Amino acid sequence: MIMPAEYQLMIALATVICSGLVSAIVTYKLNSQKDERLLLRQKLEELNLSLIRYCNDLGSRSLIYSSVMVGKISYDQANVQMSKMLKKRKKAMIKFQCL
């Protein structure tokens, strides 16, 4: 059975419109997933850097108190050094705890 030209034209237009709609939906979905992955990657990189800074702070604290254990400095001197260091590096600890 041969269809009239009007039906063939309507089917062709419907096919073009539906395929355009489907491609727009798929493109939107893929772009939103890409944006979510990018945001997650940025947050994980920020968390990693904060963790590294936090661990470096903990390591430097142990170095100060190891000098006390060896007897190079007194406990009070170590506390003074620690308070100076904490004032400088407080942001790294707060940021790590927030993430």
PDB file of N, CA and C in Angstrom:
ATOM      1  N   MET A   1       0.820  -1.166   0.000  1.00  0.00           N
ATOM      2  CA  MET A   1       0.000   0.000   0.000  1.00  0.00           C
ATOM      3  C   MET A   1       0.882   1.254   0.000  1.00  0.00           C
ATOM      4  N   ILE A   2       0.651   2.150  -0.871  1.00  0.00           N
ATOM      5  CA  ILE A   2       1.431   3.380  -0.996  1.00  0.00           C
ATOM      6  C   ILE A   2       0.709   4.487  -0.252  1.00  0.00           C
ATOM      7  N   MET A   3       1.507   5.205   0.572  1.00  0.00           N
ATOM      8  CA  MET A   3       0.923   6.298   1.334  1.00  0.00           C
ATOM      9  C   MET A   3       0.907   7.568   0.496  1.00  0.00           C
ATOM     10  N   PRO A   4      -0.071   8.396   0.741  1.00  0.00           N
ATOM     11  CA  PRO A   4      -0.077   9.686   0.049  1.00  0.00           C
ATOM     12  C   PRO A   4       1.105  10.540   0.510  1.00  0.00           C
ATOM     13  N   ALA A   5       1.452  11.516  -0.265  1.00  0.00           N
ATOM     14  CA  ALA A   5       2.601  12.382  -0.002  1.00  0.00           C
ATOM     15  C   ALA A   5       2.443  13.147   1.306  1.00  0.00           C
ATOM     16  N   GLU A   6       1.212  13.506   1.670  1.00  0.00           N
ATOM     17  CA  GLU A   6       0.996  14.255   2.919  1.00  0.00           C
ATOM     18  C   GLU A   6       1.371  13.412   4.137  1.00  0.00           C
ATOM     19  N   TYR A   7       1.013  12.149   4.123  1.00  0.00           N
ATOM     20  CA  TYR A   7       1.347  11.263   5.235  1.00  0.00           C
ATOM     21  C   TYR A   7       2.850  11.055   5.337  1.00  0.00           C
ATOM     22  N   GLN A   8       3.485  10.866   4.216  1.00  0.00           N
ATOM     23  CA  GLN A   8       4.937  10.693   4.209  1.00  0.00           C
ATOM     24  C   GLN A   8       5.631  11.939   4.749  1.00  0.00           C
ATOM     25  N   LEU A   9       5.124  13.112   4.379  1.00  0.00           N
ATOM     26  CA  LEU A   9       5.695  14.365   4.869  1.00  0.00           C
ATOM     27  C   LEU A   9       5.481  14.511   6.372  1.00  0.00           C
ATOM     28  N   MET A  10       4.296  14.162   6.847  1.00  0.00           N
ATOM     29  CA  MET A  10       4.012  14.246   8.290  1.00  0.00           C
ATOM     30  C   MET A  10       4.889  13.281   9.079  1.00  0.00           C
ATOM     31  N   ILE A  11       5.080  12.074   8.554  1.00  0.00           N
ATOM     32  CA  ILE A  11       5.939  11.089   9.233  1.00  0.00           C
ATOM     33  C   ILE A  11       7.381  11.588   9.261  1.00  0.00           C
ATOM     34  N   ALA A  12       7.833  12.176   8.177  1.00  0.00           N
ATOM     35  CA  ALA A  12       9.206  12.700   8.134  1.00  0.00           C
ATOM     36  C   ALA A  12       9.383  13.846   9.123  1.00  0.00           C
ATOM     37  N   LEU A  13       8.412  14.754   9.191  1.00  0.00           N
ATOM     38  CA  LEU A  13       8.495  15.872  10.151  1.00  0.00           C
ATOM     39  C   LEU A  13       8.437  15.372  11.591  1.00  0.00           C
ATOM     40  N   ALA A  14       7.577  14.418  11.865  1.00  0.00           N
ATOM     41  CA  ALA A  14       7.475  13.861  13.217  1.00  0.00           C
ATOM     42  C   ALA A  14       8.780  13.175  13.610  1.00  0.00           C
ATOM     43  N   THR A  15       9.395  12.477  12.678  1.00  0.00           N
ATOM     44  CA  THR A  15      10.671  11.808  12.946  1.00  0.00           C
ATOM     45  C   THR A  15      11.759  12.824  13.270  1.00  0.00           C
ATOM     46  N   VAL A  16      11.825  13.899  12.497  1.00  0.00           N
ATOM     47  CA  VAL A  16      12.840  14.932  12.725  1.00  0.00           C
ATOM     48  C   VAL A  16      12.619  15.607  14.069  1.00  0.00           C
ATOM     49  N   ILE A  17      11.376  15.939  14.381  1.00  0.00           N
ATOM     50  CA  ILE A  17      11.073  16.618  15.652  1.00  0.00           C
ATOM     51  C   ILE A  17      11.371  15.708  16.832  1.00  0.00           C
ATOM     52  N   CYS A  18      10.951  14.462  16.763  1.00  0.00           N
ATOM     53  CA  CYS A  18      11.195  13.526  17.872  1.00  0.00           C
ATOM     54  C   CYS A  18      12.681  13.240  18.051  1.00  0.00           C
ATOM     55  N   SER A  19      13.400  13.084  16.964  1.00  0.00           N
ATOM     56  CA  SER A  19      14.833  12.804  17.103  1.00  0.00           C
ATOM     57  C   SER A  19      15.557  14.020  17.685  1.00  0.00           C
ATOM     58  N   GLY A  20      15.144  15.223  17.310  1.00  0.00           N
ATOM     59  CA  GLY A  20      15.737  16.427  17.891  1.00  0.00           C
ATOM     60  C   GLY A  20      15.443  16.529  19.372  1.00  0.00           C
ATOM     61  N   LEU A  21      14.214  16.195  19.757  1.00  0.00           N
ATOM     62  CA  LEU A  21      13.824  16.234  21.167  1.00  0.00           C
ATOM     63  C   LEU A  21      14.605  15.211  21.983  1.00  0.00           C
ATOM     64  N   VAL A  22      14.718  14.013  21.466  1.00  0.00           N
ATOM     65  CA  VAL A  22      15.460  12.952  22.163  1.00  0.00           C
ATOM     66  C   VAL A  22      16.937  13.324  22.287  1.00  0.00           C
ATOM     67  N   SER A  23      17.527  13.863  21.239  1.00  0.00           N
ATOM     68  CA  SER A  23      18.941  14.245  21.307  1.00  0.00           C
ATOM     69  C   SER A  23      19.151  15.386  22.298  1.00  0.00           C
ATOM     70  N   ALA A  24      18.205  16.313  22.399  1.00  0.00           N
ATOM     71  CA  ALA A  24      18.320  17.404  23.378  1.00  0.00           C
ATOM     72  C   ALA A  24      18.256  16.868  24.799  1.00  0.00           C
ATOM     73  N   ILE A  25      17.366  15.921  25.047  1.00  0.00           N
ATOM     74  CA  ILE A  25      17.244  15.335  26.387  1.00  0.00           C
ATOM     75  C   ILE A  25      18.509  14.567  26.750  1.00  0.00           C
ATOM     76  N   VAL A  26      19.015  13.776  25.829  1.00  0.00           N
ATOM     77  CA  VAL A  26      20.232  13.001  26.090  1.00  0.00           C
ATOM     78  C   VAL A  26      21.423  13.925  26.322  1.00  0.00           C
ATOM     79  N   THR A  27      21.543  14.978  25.526  1.00  0.00           N
ATOM     80  CA  THR A  27      22.644  15.934  25.687  1.00  0.00           C
ATOM     81  C   THR A  27      22.558  16.632  27.037  1.00  0.00           C
ATOM     82  N   TYR A  28      21.370  17.024  27.450  1.00  0.00           N
ATOM     83  CA  TYR A  28      21.195  17.673  28.756  1.00  0.00           C
ATOM     84  C   TYR A  28      21.601  16.728  29.883  1.00  0.00           C
ATOM     85  N   LYS A  29      21.169  15.489  29.795  1.00  0.00           N
ATOM     86  CA  LYS A  29      21.491  14.505  30.834  1.00  0.00           C
ATOM     87  C   LYS A  29      23.002  14.267  30.919  1.00  0.00           C
ATOM     88  N   LEU A  30      23.646  14.118  29.783  1.00  0.00           N
ATOM     89  CA  LEU A  30      25.091  13.883  29.779  1.00  0.00           C
ATOM     90  C   LEU A  30      25.860  15.089  30.307  1.00  0.00           C
ATOM     91  N   ASN A  31      25.431  16.291  29.952  1.00  0.00           N
ATOM     92  CA  ASN A  31      26.096  17.498  30.449  1.00  0.00           C
ATOM     93  C   ASN A  31      25.915  17.664  31.945  1.00  0.00           C
ATOM     94  N   SER A  32      24.733  17.339  32.457  1.00  0.00           N
ATOM     95  CA  SER A  32      24.524  17.464  33.901  1.00  0.00           C
ATOM     96  C   SER A  32      25.377  16.450  34.659  1.00  0.00           C
ATOM     97  N   GLN A  33      25.512  15.240  34.123  1.00  0.00           N
ATOM     98  CA  GLN A  33      26.381  14.251  34.766  1.00  0.00           C
ATOM     99  C   GLN A  33      27.838  14.705  34.727  1.00  0.00           C
ATOM    100  N   LYS A  34      28.236  15.308  33.619  1.00  0.00           N
ATOM    101  CA  LYS A  34      29.606  15.807  33.490  1.00  0.00           C
ATOM    102  C   LYS A  34      29.869  16.910  34.510  1.00  0.00           C
ATOM    103  N   ASP A  35      28.907  17.815  34.694  1.00  0.00           N
ATOM    104  CA  ASP A  35      29.063  18.895  35.669  1.00  0.00           C
ATOM    105  C   ASP A  35      29.133  18.353  37.090  1.00  0.00           C
ATOM    106  N   GLU A  36      28.326  17.337  37.390  1.00  0.00           N
ATOM    107  CA  GLU A  36      28.366  16.735  38.720  1.00  0.00           C
ATOM    108  C   GLU A  36      29.718  16.073  38.985  1.00  0.00           C
ATOM    109  N   ARG A  37      30.246  15.362  37.986  1.00  0.00           N
ATOM    110  CA  ARG A  37      31.563  14.728  38.148  1.00  0.00           C
ATOM    111  C   ARG A  37      32.650  15.772  38.336  1.00  0.00           C
ATOM    112  N   LEU A  38      32.570  16.866  37.587  1.00  0.00           N
ATOM    113  CA  LEU A  38      33.559  17.929  37.709  1.00  0.00           C
ATOM    114  C   LEU A  38      33.507  18.562  39.096  1.00  0.00           C
ATOM    115  N   LEU A  39      32.305  18.819  39.607  1.00  0.00           N
ATOM    116  CA  LEU A  39      32.153  19.387  40.935  1.00  0.00           C
ATOM    117  C   LEU A  39      32.688  18.429  41.999  1.00  0.00           C
ATOM    118  N   LEU A  40      32.363  17.157  41.856  1.00  0.00           N
ATOM    119  CA  LEU A  40      32.850  16.159  42.807  1.00  0.00           C
ATOM    120  C   LEU A  40      34.369  16.064  42.765  1.00  0.00           C
ATOM    121  N   ARG A  41      34.946  16.098  41.572  1.00  0.00           N
ATOM    122  CA  ARG A  41      36.404  16.046  41.435  1.00  0.00           C
ATOM    123  C   ARG A  41      37.057  17.255  42.106  1.00  0.00           C
ATOM    124  N   GLN A  42      36.478  18.450  41.915  1.00  0.00           N
ATOM    125  CA  GLN A  42      37.040  19.650  42.532  1.00  0.00           C
ATOM    126  C   GLN A  42      36.967  19.561  44.050  1.00  0.00           C
ATOM    127  N   LYS A  43      35.850  19.071  44.574  1.00  0.00           N
ATOM    128  CA  LYS A  43      35.709  18.939  46.028  1.00  0.00           C
ATOM    129  C   LYS A  43      36.696  17.910  46.580  1.00  0.00           C
ATOM    130  N   LEU A  44      36.896  16.823  45.849  1.00  0.00           N
ATOM    131  CA  LEU A  44      37.848  15.805  46.316  1.00  0.00           C
ATOM    132  C   LEU A  44      39.282  16.324  46.275  1.00  0.00           C
ATOM    133  N   GLU A  45      39.620  17.113  45.256  1.00  0.00           N
ATOM    134  CA  GLU A  45      40.954  17.707  45.205  1.00  0.00           C
ATOM    135  C   GLU A  45      41.152  18.684  46.361  1.00  0.00           C
ATOM    136  N   GLU A  46      40.121  19.465  46.654  1.00  0.00           N
ATOM    137  CA  GLU A  46      40.192  20.405  47.773  1.00  0.00           C
ATOM    138  C   GLU A  46      40.333  19.655  49.097  1.00  0.00           C
ATOM    139  N   LEU A  47      39.602  18.557  49.242  1.00  0.00           N
ATOM    140  CA  LEU A  47      39.715  17.740  50.442  1.00  0.00           C
ATOM    141  C   LEU A  47      41.106  17.139  50.561  1.00  0.00           C
ATOM    142  N   ASN A  48      41.665  16.675  49.451  1.00  0.00           N
ATOM    143  CA  ASN A  48      42.999  16.094  49.457  1.00  0.00           C
ATOM    144  C   ASN A  48      44.046  17.122  49.888  1.00  0.00           C
ATOM    145  N   LEU A  49      43.973  18.325  49.329  1.00  0.00           N
ATOM    146  CA  LEU A  49      44.932  19.368  49.709  1.00  0.00           C
ATOM    147  C   LEU A  49      44.784  19.756  51.177  1.00  0.00           C
ATOM    148  N   SER A  50      43.553  19.839  51.646  1.00  0.00           N
ATOM    149  CA  SER A  50      43.329  20.166  53.056  1.00  0.00           C
ATOM    150  C   SER A  50      43.851  19.063  53.961  1.00  0.00           C
ATOM    151  N   LEU A  51      43.672  17.823  53.548  1.00  0.00           N
ATOM    152  CA  LEU A  51      44.176  16.699  54.337  1.00  0.00           C
ATOM    153  C   LEU A  51      45.701  16.728  54.403  1.00  0.00           C
ATOM    154  N   ILE A  52      46.343  17.034  53.285  1.00  0.00           N
ATOM    155  CA  ILE A  52      47.805  17.118  53.264  1.00  0.00           C
ATOM    156  C   ILE A  52      48.289  18.229  54.203  1.00  0.00           C
ATOM    157  N   ARG A  53      47.636  19.387  54.133  1.00  0.00           N
ATOM    158  CA  ARG A  53      48.023  20.492  55.027  1.00  0.00           C
ATOM    159  C   ARG A  53      47.802  20.118  56.489  1.00  0.00           C
ATOM    160  N   TYR A  54      46.680  19.471  56.773  1.00  0.00           N
ATOM    161  CA  TYR A  54      46.366  19.067  58.138  1.00  0.00           C
ATOM    162  C   TYR A  54      47.393  18.059  58.658  1.00  0.00           C
ATOM    163  N   CYS A  55      47.755  17.101  57.831  1.00  0.00           N
ATOM    164  CA  CYS A  55      48.759  16.102  58.238  1.00  0.00           C
ATOM    165  C   CYS A  55      50.128  16.740  58.426  1.00  0.00           C
ATOM    166  N   ASN A  56      50.466  17.708  57.587  1.00  0.00           N
ATOM    167  CA  ASN A  56      51.731  18.422  57.773  1.00  0.00           C
ATOM    168  C   ASN A  56      51.737  19.188  59.088  1.00  0.00           C
ATOM    169  N   ASP A  57      50.603  19.767  59.437  1.00  0.00           N
ATOM    170  CA  ASP A  57      50.506  20.461  60.722  1.00  0.00           C
ATOM    171  C   ASP A  57      50.699  19.497  61.887  1.00  0.00           C
ATOM    172  N   LEU A  58      50.082  18.324  61.786  1.00  0.00           N
ATOM    173  CA  LEU A  58      50.243  17.341  62.855  1.00  0.00           C
ATOM    174  C   LEU A  58      51.694  16.874  62.959  1.00  0.00           C
ATOM    175  N   GLY A  59      52.326  16.693  61.809  1.00  0.00           N
ATOM    176  CA  GLY A  59      53.727  16.270  61.817  1.00  0.00           C
ATOM    177  C   GLY A  59      54.645  17.318  62.414  1.00  0.00           C
ATOM    178  N   SER A  60      54.384  18.577  62.090  1.00  0.00           N
ATOM    179  CA  SER A  60      55.235  19.632  62.648  1.00  0.00           C
ATOM    180  C   SER A  60      55.014  19.776  64.146  1.00  0.00           C
ATOM    181  N   ARG A  61      53.823  19.470  64.612  1.00  0.00           N
ATOM    182  CA  ARG A  61      53.591  19.491  66.065  1.00  0.00           C
ATOM    183  C   ARG A  61      54.419  18.421  66.769  1.00  0.00           C
ATOM    184  N   SER A  62      54.462  17.248  66.165  1.00  0.00           N
ATOM    185  CA  SER A  62      55.221  16.177  66.812  1.00  0.00           C
ATOM    186  C   SER A  62      56.713  16.505  66.830  1.00  0.00           C
ATOM    187  N   LEU A  63      57.185  17.257  65.825  1.00  0.00           N
ATOM    188  CA  LEU A  63      58.597  17.652  65.828  1.00  0.00           C
ATOM    189  C   LEU A  63      58.914  18.588  66.988  1.00  0.00           C
ATOM    190  N   ILE A  64      57.995  19.491  67.272  1.00  0.00           N
ATOM    191  CA  ILE A  64      58.216  20.422  68.384  1.00  0.00           C
ATOM    192  C   ILE A  64      58.301  19.654  69.700  1.00  0.00           C
ATOM    193  N   TYR A  65      57.356  18.746  69.906  1.00  0.00           N
ATOM    194  CA  TYR A  65      57.353  18.029  71.177  1.00  0.00           C
ATOM    195  C   TYR A  65      58.440  16.960  71.254  1.00  0.00           C
ATOM    196  N   SER A  66      58.956  16.515  70.123  1.00  0.00           N
ATOM    197  CA  SER A  66      60.096  15.591  70.186  1.00  0.00           C
ATOM    198  C   SER A  66      61.346  16.326  70.670  1.00  0.00           C
ATOM    199  N   SER A  67      61.432  17.636  70.367  1.00  0.00           N
ATOM    200  CA  SER A  67      62.550  18.426  70.894  1.00  0.00           C
ATOM    201  C   SER A  67      62.454  18.544  72.408  1.00  0.00           C
ATOM    202  N   VAL A  68      61.236  18.576  72.926  1.00  0.00           N
ATOM    203  CA  VAL A  68      61.049  18.613  74.384  1.00  0.00           C
ATOM    204  C   VAL A  68      61.498  17.290  74.984  1.00  0.00           C
ATOM    205  N   MET A  69      61.161  16.183  74.342  1.00  0.00           N
ATOM    206  CA  MET A  69      61.524  14.872  74.876  1.00  0.00           C
ATOM    207  C   MET A  69      63.032  14.656  74.881  1.00  0.00           C
ATOM    208  N   VAL A  70      63.700  15.220  73.873  1.00  0.00           N
ATOM    209  CA  VAL A  70      65.157  15.084  73.812  1.00  0.00           C
ATOM    210  C   VAL A  70      65.824  15.994  74.828  1.00  0.00           C
ATOM    211  N   GLY A  71      65.154  17.082  75.174  1.00  0.00           N
ATOM    212  CA  GLY A  71      65.690  18.010  76.157  1.00  0.00           C
ATOM    213  C   GLY A  71      66.290  19.264  75.542  1.00  0.00           C
ATOM    214  N   LYS A  72      66.036  19.523  74.268  1.00  0.00           N
ATOM    215  CA  LYS A  72      66.581  20.712  73.615  1.00  0.00           C
ATOM    216  C   LYS A  72      65.862  21.975  74.070  1.00  0.00           C
ATOM    217  N   ILE A  73      64.545  21.867  74.243  1.00  0.00           N
ATOM    218  CA  ILE A  73      63.768  23.031  74.693  1.00  0.00           C
ATOM    219  C   ILE A  73      62.859  22.591  75.828  1.00  0.00           C
ATOM    220  N   SER A  74      62.341  23.574  76.551  1.00  0.00           N
ATOM    221  CA  SER A  74      61.434  23.247  77.657  1.00  0.00           C
ATOM    222  C   SER A  74      60.012  23.085  77.132  1.00  0.00           C
ATOM    223  N   TYR A  75      59.152  22.560  77.986  1.00  0.00           N
ATOM    224  CA  TYR A  75      57.768  22.347  77.618  1.00  0.00           C
ATOM    225  C   TYR A  75      57.065  23.683  77.380  1.00  0.00           C
ATOM    226  N   ASP A  76      57.409  24.687  78.184  1.00  0.00           N
ATOM    227  CA  ASP A  76      56.807  26.013  78.012  1.00  0.00           C
ATOM    228  C   ASP A  76      57.220  26.636  76.675  1.00  0.00           C
ATOM    229  N   GLN A  77      58.475  26.464  76.293  1.00  0.00           N
ATOM    230  CA  GLN A  77      58.916  26.989  74.994  1.00  0.00           C
ATOM    231  C   GLN A  77      58.182  26.297  73.843  1.00  0.00           C
ATOM    232  N   ALA A  78      57.957  25.003  73.989  1.00  0.00           N
ATOM    233  CA  ALA A  78      57.224  24.262  72.966  1.00  0.00           C
ATOM    234  C   ALA A  78      55.791  24.757  72.863  1.00  0.00           C
ATOM    235  N   ASN A  79      55.175  25.064  73.988  1.00  0.00           N
ATOM    236  CA  ASN A  79      53.809  25.583  73.968  1.00  0.00           C
ATOM    237  C   ASN A  79      53.737  26.955  73.303  1.00  0.00           C
ATOM    238  N   VAL A  80      54.748  27.788  73.526  1.00  0.00           N
ATOM    239  CA  VAL A  80      54.780  29.103  72.881  1.00  0.00           C
ATOM    240  C   VAL A  80      54.919  28.930  71.372  1.00  0.00           C
ATOM    241  N   GLN A  81      55.821  28.063  70.970  1.00  0.00           N
ATOM    242  CA  GLN A  81      55.984  27.807  69.532  1.00  0.00           C
ATOM    243  C   GLN A  81      54.706  27.231  68.932  1.00  0.00           C
ATOM    244  N   MET A  82      54.058  26.351  69.670  1.00  0.00           N
ATOM    245  CA  MET A  82      52.825  25.741  69.184  1.00  0.00           C
ATOM    246  C   MET A  82      51.727  26.784  69.017  1.00  0.00           C
ATOM    247  N   SER A  83      51.586  27.692  69.962  1.00  0.00           N
ATOM    248  CA  SER A  83      50.526  28.707  69.850  1.00  0.00           C
ATOM    249  C   SER A  83      50.791  29.632  68.660  1.00  0.00           C
ATOM    250  N   LYS A  84      52.063  29.955  68.396  1.00  0.00           N
ATOM    251  CA  LYS A  84      52.385  30.776  67.226  1.00  0.00           C
ATOM    252  C   LYS A  84      52.045  30.041  65.940  1.00  0.00           C
ATOM    253  N   MET A  85      52.363  28.760  65.907  1.00  0.00           N
ATOM    254  CA  MET A  85      52.106  27.974  64.713  1.00  0.00           C
ATOM    255  C   MET A  85      50.597  27.794  64.493  1.00  0.00           C
ATOM    256  N   LEU A  86      49.852  27.607  65.566  1.00  0.00           N
ATOM    257  CA  LEU A  86      48.409  27.399  65.427  1.00  0.00           C
ATOM    258  C   LEU A  86      47.708  28.642  64.896  1.00  0.00           C
ATOM    259  N   LYS A  87      48.188  29.799  65.269  1.00  0.00           N
ATOM    260  CA  LYS A  87      47.576  31.028  64.768  1.00  0.00           C
ATOM    261  C   LYS A  87      47.746  31.134  63.261  1.00  0.00           C
ATOM    262  N   LYS A  88      48.883  30.690  62.757  1.00  0.00           N
ATOM    263  CA  LYS A  88      49.156  30.768  61.321  1.00  0.00           C
ATOM    264  C   LYS A  88      48.397  29.708  60.535  1.00  0.00           C
ATOM    265  N   ARG A  89      48.233  28.536  61.109  1.00  0.00           N
ATOM    266  CA  ARG A  89      47.718  27.400  60.339  1.00  0.00           C
ATOM    267  C   ARG A  89      46.310  26.981  60.737  1.00  0.00           C
ATOM    268  N   LYS A  90      45.611  27.817  61.413  1.00  0.00           N
ATOM    269  CA  LYS A  90      44.277  27.454  61.885  1.00  0.00           C
ATOM    270  C   LYS A  90      43.297  27.250  60.727  1.00  0.00           C
ATOM    271  N   LYS A  91      43.481  27.997  59.642  1.00  0.00           N
ATOM    272  CA  LYS A  91      42.561  27.900  58.505  1.00  0.00           C
ATOM    273  C   LYS A  91      42.581  26.515  57.876  1.00  0.00           C
ATOM    274  N   ALA A  92      43.750  25.914  57.772  1.00  0.00           N
ATOM    275  CA  ALA A  92      43.854  24.586  57.149  1.00  0.00           C
ATOM    276  C   ALA A  92      43.089  23.547  57.969  1.00  0.00           C
ATOM    277  N   MET A  93      43.188  23.627  59.290  1.00  0.00           N
ATOM    278  CA  MET A  93      42.482  22.665  60.129  1.00  0.00           C
ATOM    279  C   MET A  93      40.970  22.869  60.048  1.00  0.00           C
ATOM    280  N   ILE A  94      40.536  24.126  60.068  1.00  0.00           N
ATOM    281  CA  ILE A  94      39.096  24.407  60.005  1.00  0.00           C
ATOM    282  C   ILE A  94      38.532  23.952  58.663  1.00  0.00           C
ATOM    283  N   LYS A  95      39.255  24.222  57.590  1.00  0.00           N
ATOM    284  CA  LYS A  95      38.777  23.836  56.262  1.00  0.00           C
ATOM    285  C   LYS A  95      38.682  22.325  56.139  1.00  0.00           C
ATOM    286  N   PHE A  96      39.668  21.617  56.663  1.00  0.00           N
ATOM    287  CA  PHE A  96      39.641  20.153  56.604  1.00  0.00           C
ATOM    288  C   PHE A  96      38.461  19.609  57.409  1.00  0.00           C
ATOM    289  N   GLN A  97      38.209  20.174  58.576  1.00  0.00           N
ATOM    290  CA  GLN A  97      37.108  19.688  59.407  1.00  0.00           C
ATOM    291  C   GLN A  97      35.766  19.992  58.757  1.00  0.00           C
ATOM    292  N   CYS A  98      35.669  21.092  58.027  1.00  0.00           N
ATOM    293  CA  CYS A  98      34.415  21.441  57.348  1.00  0.00           C
ATOM    294  C   CYS A  98      34.135  20.518  56.166  1.00  0.00           C
ATOM    295  N   LEU A  99      35.194  20.129  55.461  1.00  0.00           N
ATOM    296  CA  LEU A  99      34.992  19.268  54.291  1.00  0.00           C
ATOM    297  C   LEU A  99      34.640  17.881  54.734  1.00  0.00           C
TER     298      LEU A  99
END
